[in-house]
């Protein structure tokens, strides 16, 4: 809060008293804060007047009754969510925050939500159901199915007495007169309308293949919120999403919104708009047909001209059978002559190869008489070499045997040596470790002695 330095006003006794100076902007801000603290978000009912739609999308209007009025502002992010179009003279209920516009010091309402007066409960039910189904993802754009461009037939769910049916049929007759239409009759207003609408949509889905329909229109003319309430049924919304056919919903006027509009694959502003969306592909084909016909004629003409040229070229290549047989006979004679010449040359080359092979064979033929003496000489040399080798191997073997005999244990014992073993048969190599009185066997060259140790001798 901005303030000025304190001034001094005279008191009754003549002394000065300090006084706080408040700016206008600070005063308005204090007033706004006091209003917003004192009055929470509340519903206010009245009649709209002085309605202004700013280029920014904000709404400015006055809410009045018989005795008073208050300025109101509704910002774009709230206004664009309205399911209806506010107009001057319309009685509404506004959910608003009481505040003050500081720049002008005007007391006003910042409107959060707006609904037609007298239908608050229905509107709240509509909003709750819409929020619930949206949170479940029932209105997710990714789940919406594209409309067939050229449907073979169209199904319509509406009342046979409804003006909407007449509008749809007139529109289809004008734009796609050949298109078959199947009606699934149902009341569109009243206590039982919601259940009958659900049954009609389910019936259309079951009979789609048998009836040949590829697109379903759910239509009804305009009316009050109460009149359109059957189209705000939760079961109907889920049935529309589960329907095997793409669904176009055209209920009410452009400003009317229902749960069925959000659940359908495509919303049309009016029943006539639904018929126009359904027949857009066929209308486009009718528009394009003259151009396609011209293109087809030109393509056919080019095709015929090309085939005529091929026929002319084939005619030039066509030959009389007699002339063709003569050419074939000449070609056959030429081939026969070339075959005889090739066979003759091949035969001559084969004879030459045989002659050369015979000459080489004669030059390399064996002559036993010349080789016999050489074989005898080699045999004698081989015999002498074998005898000498055997003699050397025999002498070497005898020498090894004599050396082995000299080293044999028996020969060593024969020279006076002996082998001593303990009582376990282990050969004794040292006197140490043999106790006095131990049994020792001594093996001689001839025979063995059993002895007992008396003592150790000095070396």
Protein backbone atom coordinates (compact mmCIF):
# COMPACT_ATOMS: atom_id res chain seq x y z
CA UNK A 1 0.00 0.00 0.00
CA UNK A 2 1.43 3.35 -1.00
CA UNK A 3 1.13 6.25 1.44
CA UNK A 4 2.17 9.88 1.81
CA UNK A 5 4.02 11.43 4.78
CA UNK A 6 1.70 12.07 7.72
CA UNK A 7 0.18 15.54 7.99
CA UNK A 8 -1.03 17.31 11.14
CA UNK A 9 -4.65 18.42 11.68
CA UNK A 10 -5.48 20.57 14.71
CA UNK A 11 -7.18 18.87 17.62
CA UNK A 12 -9.84 20.59 19.73
CA UNK A 13 -7.15 21.42 22.20
CA UNK A 14 -5.10 23.03 19.47
CA UNK A 15 -2.49 20.24 19.11
CA UNK A 16 -1.79 18.41 15.80
CA UNK A 17 -2.72 14.73 15.22
CA UNK A 18 -1.05 12.48 12.53
CA UNK A 19 -3.25 11.25 9.60
CA UNK A 20 -2.54 8.38 7.02
CA UNK A 21 -3.18 9.26 3.32
CA UNK A 22 -4.35 6.29 1.11
CA UNK A 23 -4.12 6.37 -2.71
CA UNK A 24 -7.15 5.55 -4.89
CA UNK A 25 -5.51 2.41 -6.38
CA UNK A 26 -4.66 1.16 -2.88
CA UNK A 27 -8.20 1.86 -1.72
CA UNK A 28 -9.69 -0.09 -4.66
CA UNK A 29 -7.31 -2.97 -4.05
CA UNK A 30 -8.30 -3.13 -0.40
CA UNK A 31 -11.96 -3.06 -1.39
CA UNK A 32 -11.46 -5.86 -3.93
CA UNK A 33 -9.63 -8.04 -1.42
CA UNK A 34 -12.32 -7.42 1.19
CA UNK A 35 -15.08 -8.35 -1.28
CA UNK A 36 -13.37 -11.56 -2.40
CA UNK A 37 -12.73 -12.62 1.20
CA UNK A 38 -16.24 -11.83 2.37
CA UNK A 39 -18.20 -13.35 -0.57
CA UNK A 40 -17.15 -16.82 -1.78
CA UNK A 41 -17.98 -18.32 -5.17
CA UNK A 42 -21.80 -18.34 -5.48
CA UNK A 43 -24.67 -18.69 -7.97
CA UNK A 44 -26.46 -15.48 -9.04
CA UNK A 45 -29.65 -15.48 -11.13
CA UNK A 46 -30.82 -12.73 -13.47
CA UNK A 47 -31.44 -11.57 -17.03
CA UNK A 48 -28.66 -10.87 -19.55
CA UNK A 49 -28.49 -7.37 -21.05
CA UNK A 50 -25.86 -5.21 -22.76
CA UNK A 51 -24.08 -8.38 -23.99
CA UNK A 52 -20.77 -7.72 -25.77
CA UNK A 53 -18.53 -10.33 -27.38
CA UNK A 54 -14.98 -9.02 -27.57
CA UNK A 55 -12.62 -9.96 -30.39
CA UNK A 56 -10.48 -11.70 -27.77
CA UNK A 57 -13.36 -14.10 -27.02
CA UNK A 58 -14.26 -12.58 -23.63
CA UNK A 59 -17.94 -11.90 -22.80
CA UNK A 60 -19.08 -8.72 -21.06
CA UNK A 61 -22.72 -8.26 -20.00
CA UNK A 62 -25.01 -6.98 -17.30
CA UNK A 63 -27.01 -9.31 -15.07
CA UNK A 64 -30.19 -7.67 -13.82
CA UNK A 65 -33.51 -8.26 -12.14
CA UNK A 66 -36.47 -5.94 -11.50
CA UNK A 67 -34.65 -3.84 -8.86
CA UNK A 68 -30.90 -3.98 -9.51
CA UNK A 69 -28.11 -4.86 -11.91
CA UNK A 70 -24.44 -5.87 -11.78
CA UNK A 71 -21.68 -5.86 -14.37
CA UNK A 72 -20.29 -9.29 -15.35
CA UNK A 73 -17.20 -10.53 -17.21
CA UNK A 74 -16.64 -14.07 -18.51
CA UNK A 75 -13.16 -14.83 -19.83
CA UNK A 76 -12.55 -16.68 -23.09
CA UNK A 77 -11.28 -19.94 -21.54
CA UNK A 78 -14.64 -20.22 -19.72
CA UNK A 79 -16.87 -18.80 -22.45
CA UNK A 80 -15.68 -21.25 -25.11
CA UNK A 81 -16.89 -24.17 -22.93
CA UNK A 82 -20.51 -22.95 -22.85
CA UNK A 83 -22.95 -25.53 -24.31
CA UNK A 84 -25.28 -22.71 -25.49
CA UNK A 85 -25.01 -19.23 -26.95
CA UNK A 86 -25.93 -16.46 -24.47
CA UNK A 87 -28.25 -13.76 -25.83
CA UNK A 88 -29.73 -10.52 -24.50
CA UNK A 89 -32.96 -11.11 -22.59
CA UNK A 90 -32.01 -14.68 -21.66
CA UNK A 91 -32.56 -15.61 -18.01
CA UNK A 92 -29.48 -17.38 -16.67
CA UNK A 93 -27.79 -18.51 -13.50
CA UNK A 94 -24.13 -17.50 -13.17
CA UNK A 95 -21.57 -19.14 -10.90
CA UNK A 96 -19.39 -16.14 -10.14
CA UNK A 97 -16.82 -14.55 -7.85
CA UNK A 98 -17.70 -11.10 -6.50
CA UNK A 99 -14.84 -8.72 -7.18
CA UNK A 100 -14.01 -5.13 -8.06
CA UNK A 101 -12.43 -3.82 -11.26
CA UNK A 102 -9.69 -1.67 -9.73
CA UNK A 103 -9.00 0.51 -12.78
CA UNK A 104 -12.52 2.03 -12.67
CA UNK A 105 -13.61 1.10 -9.19
CA UNK A 106 -16.55 -0.85 -10.64
CA UNK A 107 -18.09 -3.63 -8.61
CA UNK A 108 -18.54 -6.71 -10.91
CA UNK A 109 -18.86 -10.50 -11.12
CA UNK A 110 -16.19 -12.72 -12.68
CA UNK A 111 -18.34 -15.53 -14.13
CA UNK A 112 -16.93 -19.07 -13.96
CA UNK A 113 -19.96 -20.94 -15.38
CA UNK A 114 -23.30 -20.05 -16.93
CA UNK A 115 -26.49 -22.03 -17.36
CA UNK A 116 -30.04 -21.23 -18.46
CA UNK A 117 -32.25 -20.36 -15.50
CA UNK A 118 -34.61 -23.01 -14.20
CA UNK A 119 -32.60 -26.00 -15.47
CA UNK A 120 -29.72 -25.86 -13.05
CA UNK A 121 -30.12 -29.44 -11.88
CA UNK A 122 -30.21 -30.82 -15.42
CA UNK A 123 -27.25 -28.74 -16.45
CA UNK A 124 -25.25 -29.91 -13.45
CA UNK A 125 -26.15 -33.53 -14.25
CA UNK A 126 -25.07 -32.92 -17.85
CA UNK A 127 -21.75 -31.46 -16.70
CA UNK A 128 -21.07 -34.27 -14.21
CA UNK A 129 -21.79 -36.99 -16.79
CA UNK A 130 -19.70 -35.24 -19.44
CA UNK A 131 -16.74 -34.92 -17.05
CA UNK A 132 -17.09 -38.54 -15.94
CA UNK A 133 -17.15 -39.98 -19.47
CA UNK A 134 -14.35 -37.68 -20.59
CA UNK A 135 -12.19 -38.88 -17.68
CA UNK A 136 -12.80 -42.48 -18.82
CA UNK A 137 -11.53 -41.58 -22.30
CA UNK A 138 -14.90 -42.19 -23.96
CA UNK A 139 -14.58 -38.95 -25.93
CA UNK A 140 -10.94 -39.51 -26.90
CA UNK A 141 -10.47 -38.32 -30.53
CA UNK A 142 -8.08 -41.22 -31.17
CA UNK A 143 -11.01 -43.63 -30.82
CA UNK A 144 -13.19 -41.89 -33.41
CA UNK A 145 -13.75 -43.80 -36.66
CA UNK A 146 -13.51 -42.12 -40.08
CA UNK A 147 -16.67 -41.91 -42.14
CA UNK A 148 -16.80 -44.01 -45.33
CA UNK A 149 -16.34 -41.74 -48.34
CA UNK A 150 -18.91 -43.58 -50.46
CA UNK A 151 -21.29 -45.49 -48.17
CA UNK A 152 -23.47 -48.10 -49.89
CA UNK A 153 -26.45 -47.27 -47.66
CA UNK A 154 -27.21 -45.08 -44.64
CA UNK A 155 -29.16 -45.91 -41.49
CA UNK A 156 -31.17 -43.23 -39.66
CA UNK A 157 -32.20 -43.42 -36.00
CA UNK A 158 -35.02 -40.94 -35.33
CA UNK A 159 -38.79 -40.61 -35.05
CA UNK A 160 -40.77 -41.23 -38.26
CA UNK A 161 -42.86 -38.13 -37.44
CA UNK A 162 -39.84 -35.89 -36.77
CA UNK A 163 -39.20 -32.90 -39.01
CA UNK A 164 -35.51 -33.86 -38.79
CA UNK A 165 -36.23 -37.02 -40.83
CA UNK A 166 -37.86 -34.93 -43.57
CA UNK A 167 -34.85 -32.57 -43.63
CA UNK A 168 -32.41 -35.49 -43.89
CA UNK A 169 -34.34 -37.24 -46.67
CA UNK A 170 -34.71 -34.04 -48.69
CA UNK A 171 -30.99 -33.33 -48.37
CA UNK A 172 -30.02 -36.88 -49.39
CA UNK A 173 -32.45 -36.80 -52.32
CA UNK A 174 -30.84 -33.58 -53.54
CA UNK A 175 -27.21 -34.64 -53.07
CA UNK A 176 -27.23 -38.46 -53.49
CA UNK A 177 -30.64 -39.61 -54.81
CA UNK A 178 -29.42 -43.16 -55.50
CA UNK A 179 -28.34 -43.77 -51.89
CA UNK A 180 -30.57 -46.30 -50.02
CA UNK A 181 -31.82 -45.26 -46.59
CA UNK A 182 -32.89 -47.59 -43.74
CA UNK A 183 -34.97 -46.09 -40.92
CA UNK A 184 -34.73 -47.43 -37.36
CA UNK A 185 -37.78 -45.75 -35.78
CA UNK A 186 -37.74 -44.60 -32.17
CA UNK A 187 -39.27 -41.81 -30.10
CA UNK A 188 -36.83 -38.94 -29.51
CA UNK A 189 -38.62 -37.27 -26.60
CA UNK A 190 -40.22 -38.46 -23.40
CA UNK A 191 -39.51 -40.71 -20.46
CA UNK A 192 -38.89 -43.87 -22.53
CA UNK A 193 -37.00 -42.18 -25.36
CA UNK A 194 -33.48 -42.87 -23.99
CA UNK A 195 -34.04 -46.64 -23.70
CA UNK A 196 -35.71 -46.76 -27.13
CA UNK A 197 -32.80 -44.83 -28.67
CA UNK A 198 -30.33 -47.33 -27.19
CA UNK A 199 -32.36 -50.26 -28.57
CA UNK A 200 -32.54 -48.64 -32.04
CA UNK A 201 -28.77 -48.04 -32.20
CA UNK A 202 -28.05 -51.60 -31.07
CA UNK A 203 -30.51 -52.95 -33.65
CA UNK A 204 -28.81 -50.95 -36.39
CA UNK A 205 -25.44 -52.33 -35.36
CA UNK A 206 -26.70 -55.94 -35.38
CA UNK A 207 -28.49 -55.60 -38.72
CA UNK A 208 -25.81 -53.52 -40.43
CA UNK A 209 -24.50 -56.32 -42.62
CA UNK A 210 -27.94 -57.65 -43.52
CA UNK A 211 -29.29 -54.17 -44.27
CA UNK A 212 -26.14 -53.17 -46.13
CA UNK A 213 -25.65 -49.91 -44.21
CA UNK A 214 -22.17 -48.53 -43.60
CA UNK A 215 -23.01 -45.29 -41.74
CA UNK A 216 -25.53 -44.37 -39.03
CA UNK A 217 -27.17 -40.96 -38.48
CA UNK A 218 -28.68 -40.08 -35.09
CA UNK A 219 -30.85 -36.98 -35.66
CA UNK A 220 -33.46 -34.84 -33.97
CA UNK A 221 -34.70 -31.25 -34.33
CA UNK A 222 -34.12 -28.48 -31.82
CA UNK A 223 -35.78 -28.04 -28.45
CA UNK A 224 -35.22 -27.15 -24.84
CA UNK A 225 -32.73 -28.93 -22.62
CA UNK A 226 -35.58 -31.02 -21.23
CA UNK A 227 -36.65 -32.00 -24.77
CA UNK A 228 -33.11 -33.05 -25.70
CA UNK A 229 -32.43 -34.82 -22.38
CA UNK A 230 -32.80 -38.41 -23.76
CA UNK A 231 -29.63 -37.72 -25.79
CA UNK A 232 -27.73 -37.07 -22.54
CA UNK A 233 -28.15 -40.68 -21.40
CA UNK A 234 -24.98 -42.50 -20.27
CA UNK A 235 -26.08 -45.85 -21.72
CA UNK A 236 -26.73 -44.20 -25.09
CA UNK A 237 -23.24 -42.67 -25.06
CA UNK A 238 -21.60 -46.04 -24.37
CA UNK A 239 -23.80 -47.72 -27.01
CA UNK A 240 -22.70 -45.18 -29.62
CA UNK A 241 -19.02 -45.90 -28.87
CA UNK A 242 -19.64 -49.67 -29.03
CA UNK A 243 -21.61 -49.50 -32.28
CA UNK A 244 -19.77 -51.25 -35.15
CA UNK A 245 -20.81 -48.44 -37.51
CA UNK A 246 -19.44 -44.89 -37.63
CA UNK A 247 -22.07 -42.56 -36.15
CA UNK A 248 -22.88 -38.95 -37.09
CA UNK A 249 -24.96 -37.10 -34.48
CA UNK A 250 -27.10 -34.18 -35.63
CA UNK A 251 -29.28 -33.19 -32.69
CA UNK A 252 -30.89 -29.78 -32.24
CA UNK A 253 -29.53 -26.50 -33.54
CA UNK A 254 -25.95 -25.30 -33.83
CA UNK A 255 -25.79 -24.09 -30.21
CA UNK A 256 -27.29 -27.28 -28.75
CA UNK A 257 -24.83 -29.77 -27.27
CA UNK A 258 -25.62 -33.23 -25.88
CA UNK A 259 -23.59 -36.13 -24.55
CA UNK A 260 -24.42 -38.00 -27.77
CA UNK A 261 -22.60 -35.26 -29.73
CA UNK A 262 -19.41 -35.98 -27.79
CA UNK A 263 -19.79 -39.80 -28.00
CA UNK A 264 -20.48 -39.91 -31.76
CA UNK A 265 -17.67 -40.19 -34.28
CA UNK A 266 -18.68 -36.84 -35.79
CA UNK A 267 -21.02 -34.05 -34.68
CA UNK A 268 -23.17 -32.11 -37.13
CA UNK A 269 -24.69 -28.77 -36.18
CA UNK A 270 -28.14 -29.82 -37.46
CA UNK A 271 -29.86 -32.90 -38.95
CA UNK A 272 -29.41 -31.32 -42.39
CA UNK A 273 -25.71 -30.96 -41.63
CA UNK A 274 -25.53 -34.67 -40.72
CA UNK A 275 -27.07 -35.58 -44.10
CA UNK A 276 -24.59 -33.30 -45.87
CA UNK A 277 -21.63 -34.94 -44.09
CA UNK A 278 -22.93 -38.42 -44.94
CA UNK A 279 -23.38 -37.59 -48.64
CA UNK A 280 -20.28 -35.42 -49.08
CA UNK A 281 -18.37 -38.17 -50.86
CA UNK A 282 -21.15 -38.95 -53.33
CA UNK A 283 -21.69 -35.27 -54.01
CA UNK A 284 -18.00 -34.89 -54.71
CA UNK A 285 -18.15 -37.84 -57.10
CA UNK A 286 -21.10 -36.26 -58.92
CA UNK A 287 -19.11 -33.05 -59.21
CA UNK A 288 -16.02 -34.86 -60.43
CA UNK A 289 -17.89 -37.20 -62.77
CA UNK A 290 -17.88 -34.95 -65.89
CA UNK A 291 -14.15 -34.37 -65.55
CA UNK A 292 -13.57 -38.10 -64.99
CA UNK A 293 -15.73 -38.89 -68.03
CA UNK A 294 -13.63 -36.55 -70.16
CA UNK A 295 -10.41 -38.05 -68.84
CA UNK A 296 -11.69 -41.56 -69.50
CA UNK A 297 -12.65 -40.59 -73.07
CA UNK A 298 -9.18 -39.17 -73.71
CA UNK A 299 -7.49 -42.21 -72.19
CA UNK A 300 -9.66 -44.54 -74.29
CA UNK A 301 -8.86 -42.56 -77.45
CA UNK A 302 -5.12 -42.78 -76.73
CA UNK A 303 -5.45 -46.49 -76.10
CA UNK A 304 -7.28 -47.07 -79.38
CA UNK A 305 -4.71 -45.04 -81.30
CA UNK A 306 -1.86 -47.01 -79.75
CA UNK A 307 -3.51 -50.33 -80.61
CA UNK A 308 -4.09 -49.13 -84.18
CA UNK A 309 -0.38 -48.37 -84.53
CA UNK A 310 0.52 -51.81 -83.18
CA UNK A 311 -1.89 -53.38 -85.65
CA UNK A 312 -0.27 -51.48 -88.54
CA UNK A 313 3.20 -52.62 -87.48
CA UNK A 314 1.99 -56.21 -87.14
CA UNK A 315 0.46 -56.05 -90.63
CA UNK A 316 3.79 -54.96 -92.09
CA UNK A 317 5.50 -57.90 -90.41
CA UNK A 318 2.90 -60.37 -91.64
CA UNK A 319 4.36 -62.80 -94.33
CA UNK A 320 2.54 -65.19 -96.73
CA UNK A 321 2.87 -68.85 -95.60
CA UNK A 322 4.40 -69.91 -98.96
CA UNK A 323 7.13 -67.29 -98.71
CA UNK A 324 7.73 -68.15 -95.08
CA UNK A 325 8.06 -71.88 -95.90
CA UNK A 326 10.56 -71.06 -98.68
CA UNK A 327 12.65 -68.99 -96.24
CA UNK A 328 12.53 -71.77 -93.69
CA UNK A 329 13.59 -74.35 -96.30
CA UNK A 330 16.56 -72.21 -97.36
CA UNK A 331 17.55 -71.70 -93.76
CA UNK A 332 17.29 -75.47 -93.16
CA UNK A 333 19.53 -76.25 -96.17
CA UNK A 334 22.12 -73.74 -94.96
CA UNK A 335 22.12 -75.24 -91.50
CA UNK A 336 22.45 -78.79 -92.95
CA UNK A 337 25.48 -77.70 -94.98
CA UNK A 338 27.08 -76.06 -91.94
CA UNK A 339 26.45 -79.23 -89.92
CA UNK A 340 28.12 -81.50 -92.52
CA UNK A 341 31.15 -79.22 -92.74
CA UNK A 342 31.50 -79.13 -88.94
CA UNK A 343 31.22 -82.92 -88.65
CA UNK A 344 33.83 -83.44 -91.40
CA UNK A 345 36.30 -81.11 -89.68
CA UNK A 346 35.76 -82.77 -86.34
CA UNK A 347 36.29 -86.23 -87.85
CA UNK A 348 39.56 -85.12 -89.47
CA UNK A 349 40.84 -83.72 -86.19
CA UNK A 350 39.97 -87.00 -84.43
CA UNK A 351 41.90 -89.04 -87.03
CA UNK A 352 44.95 -86.79 -86.59
CA UNK A 353 44.84 -87.20 -82.80
CA UNK A 354 44.65 -90.99 -83.17
CA UNK A 355 47.68 -91.01 -85.50
CA UNK A 356 49.78 -88.95 -83.08
CA UNK A 357 48.75 -91.14 -80.15
CA UNK A 358 49.72 -94.30 -82.04
CA UNK A 359 53.18 -92.88 -82.84
CA UNK A 360 53.76 -91.91 -79.20
CA UNK A 361 52.60 -95.31 -78.02
CA UNK A 362 55.00 -97.10 -80.30
CA UNK A 363 57.89 -94.96 -79.06
CA UNK A 364 57.15 -95.78 -75.41
CA UNK A 365 56.40 -99.55 -75.80
CA UNK A 366 58.50 -101.78 -73.40
CA UNK A 367 61.46 -104.01 -74.75
CA UNK A 368 61.92 -106.98 -72.38
CA UNK A 369 65.09 -108.30 -74.08
CA UNK A 370 67.09 -105.14 -73.42
CA UNK A 371 65.98 -104.88 -69.77
CA UNK A 372 66.41 -108.54 -68.73
CA UNK A 373 70.24 -108.39 -68.26
CA UNK A 374 69.92 -105.16 -66.28
CA UNK A 375 67.36 -106.76 -63.99
CA UNK A 376 69.67 -109.77 -63.37
CA UNK A 377 72.58 -107.48 -62.47
CA UNK A 378 70.46 -105.48 -60.06
CA UNK A 379 69.21 -108.71 -58.47
CA UNK A 380 72.76 -109.94 -57.80
CA UNK A 381 73.75 -106.58 -56.28
CA UNK A 382 70.70 -106.64 -54.06
CA UNK A 383 71.50 -110.16 -52.81
CA UNK A 384 75.10 -109.25 -51.91
CA UNK A 385 73.98 -106.09 -50.10
CA UNK A 386 71.41 -108.07 -48.09
CA UNK A 387 74.05 -110.71 -47.06
CA UNK A 388 76.51 -108.03 -45.88
CA UNK A 389 73.77 -106.25 -43.90
CA UNK A 390 72.71 -109.48 -42.17
CA UNK A 391 76.32 -110.29 -41.23
CA UNK A 392 76.87 -106.88 -39.65
CA UNK A 393 73.59 -107.09 -37.69
CA UNK A 394 74.49 -110.60 -36.42
CA UNK A 395 77.96 -109.52 -35.17
CA UNK A 396 76.47 -106.49 -33.38
CA UNK A 397 73.83 -108.69 -31.73
CA UNK A 398 76.46 -111.11 -30.41
CA UNK A 399 78.46 -108.25 -28.93
CA UNK A 400 75.40 -106.90 -27.14
CA UNK A 401 74.56 -110.35 -25.78
CA UNK A 402 78.10 -110.81 -24.39
CA UNK A 403 77.98 -107.41 -22.70
CA UNK A 404 74.58 -108.15 -21.24
CA UNK A 405 75.78 -111.47 -19.94
CA UNK A 406 78.72 -109.79 -18.25
CA UNK A 407 76.36 -107.46 -16.37
CA UNK A 408 73.85 -110.12 -15.28
CA UNK A 409 73.36 -110.41 -11.43
CA UNK A 410 74.23 -114.11 -11.49
CA UNK A 411 77.64 -113.38 -13.04
CA UNK A 412 78.28 -110.73 -10.36
CA UNK A 413 77.47 -113.28 -7.60
CA UNK A 414 79.78 -115.79 -9.29
CA UNK A 415 82.69 -113.39 -8.77
CA UNK A 416 82.19 -113.59 -4.98
CA UNK A 417 79.56 -110.96 -4.31
CA UNK A 418 76.38 -111.55 -2.21
CA UNK A 419 72.98 -109.87 -1.75
CA UNK A 420 71.73 -109.26 1.83
CA UNK A 421 67.99 -108.80 2.54
CA UNK A 422 66.13 -108.07 5.76
CA UNK A 423 63.31 -110.16 7.10
CA UNK A 424 60.92 -108.32 4.73
CA UNK A 425 62.96 -109.17 1.65
CA UNK A 426 64.25 -105.62 1.19
CA UNK A 427 67.83 -105.38 -0.15
CA UNK A 428 70.22 -103.95 2.47
CA UNK A 429 72.68 -101.39 1.20
CA UNK A 430 73.89 -99.95 4.55
CA UNK A 431 74.69 -101.49 7.92
CA UNK A 432 73.22 -98.49 9.65
CA UNK A 433 69.66 -99.01 10.62
CA UNK A 434 69.97 -102.82 11.02
CA UNK A 435 69.55 -103.70 14.70
CA UNK A 436 71.60 -106.37 16.46
CA UNK A 437 69.78 -109.69 16.47
CA UNK A 438 67.85 -108.88 13.29
CA UNK A 439 67.36 -111.77 10.86
CA UNK A 440 69.19 -111.26 7.56
CA UNK A 441 69.19 -113.58 4.51
CA UNK A 442 72.26 -113.66 2.27
CA UNK A 443 72.00 -114.82 -1.35
CA UNK A 444 75.20 -116.37 -2.89
CA UNK A 445 75.99 -117.47 -6.40
CA UNK A 446 74.85 -120.92 -5.40
CA UNK A 447 72.35 -121.09 -2.54
CA UNK A 448 71.43 -118.68 0.30
CA UNK A 449 72.22 -118.29 4.05
CA UNK A 450 69.91 -117.34 6.94
CA UNK A 451 71.91 -115.25 9.46
CA UNK A 452 71.33 -113.02 12.46
CA UNK A 453 73.17 -109.75 13.13
CA UNK A 454 75.59 -109.96 16.07
CA UNK A 455 77.00 -106.47 15.77
CA UNK A 456 78.44 -103.82 13.45
CA UNK A 457 82.06 -103.91 12.23
CA UNK A 458 84.21 -100.83 12.01
CA UNK A 459 85.19 -99.73 8.46
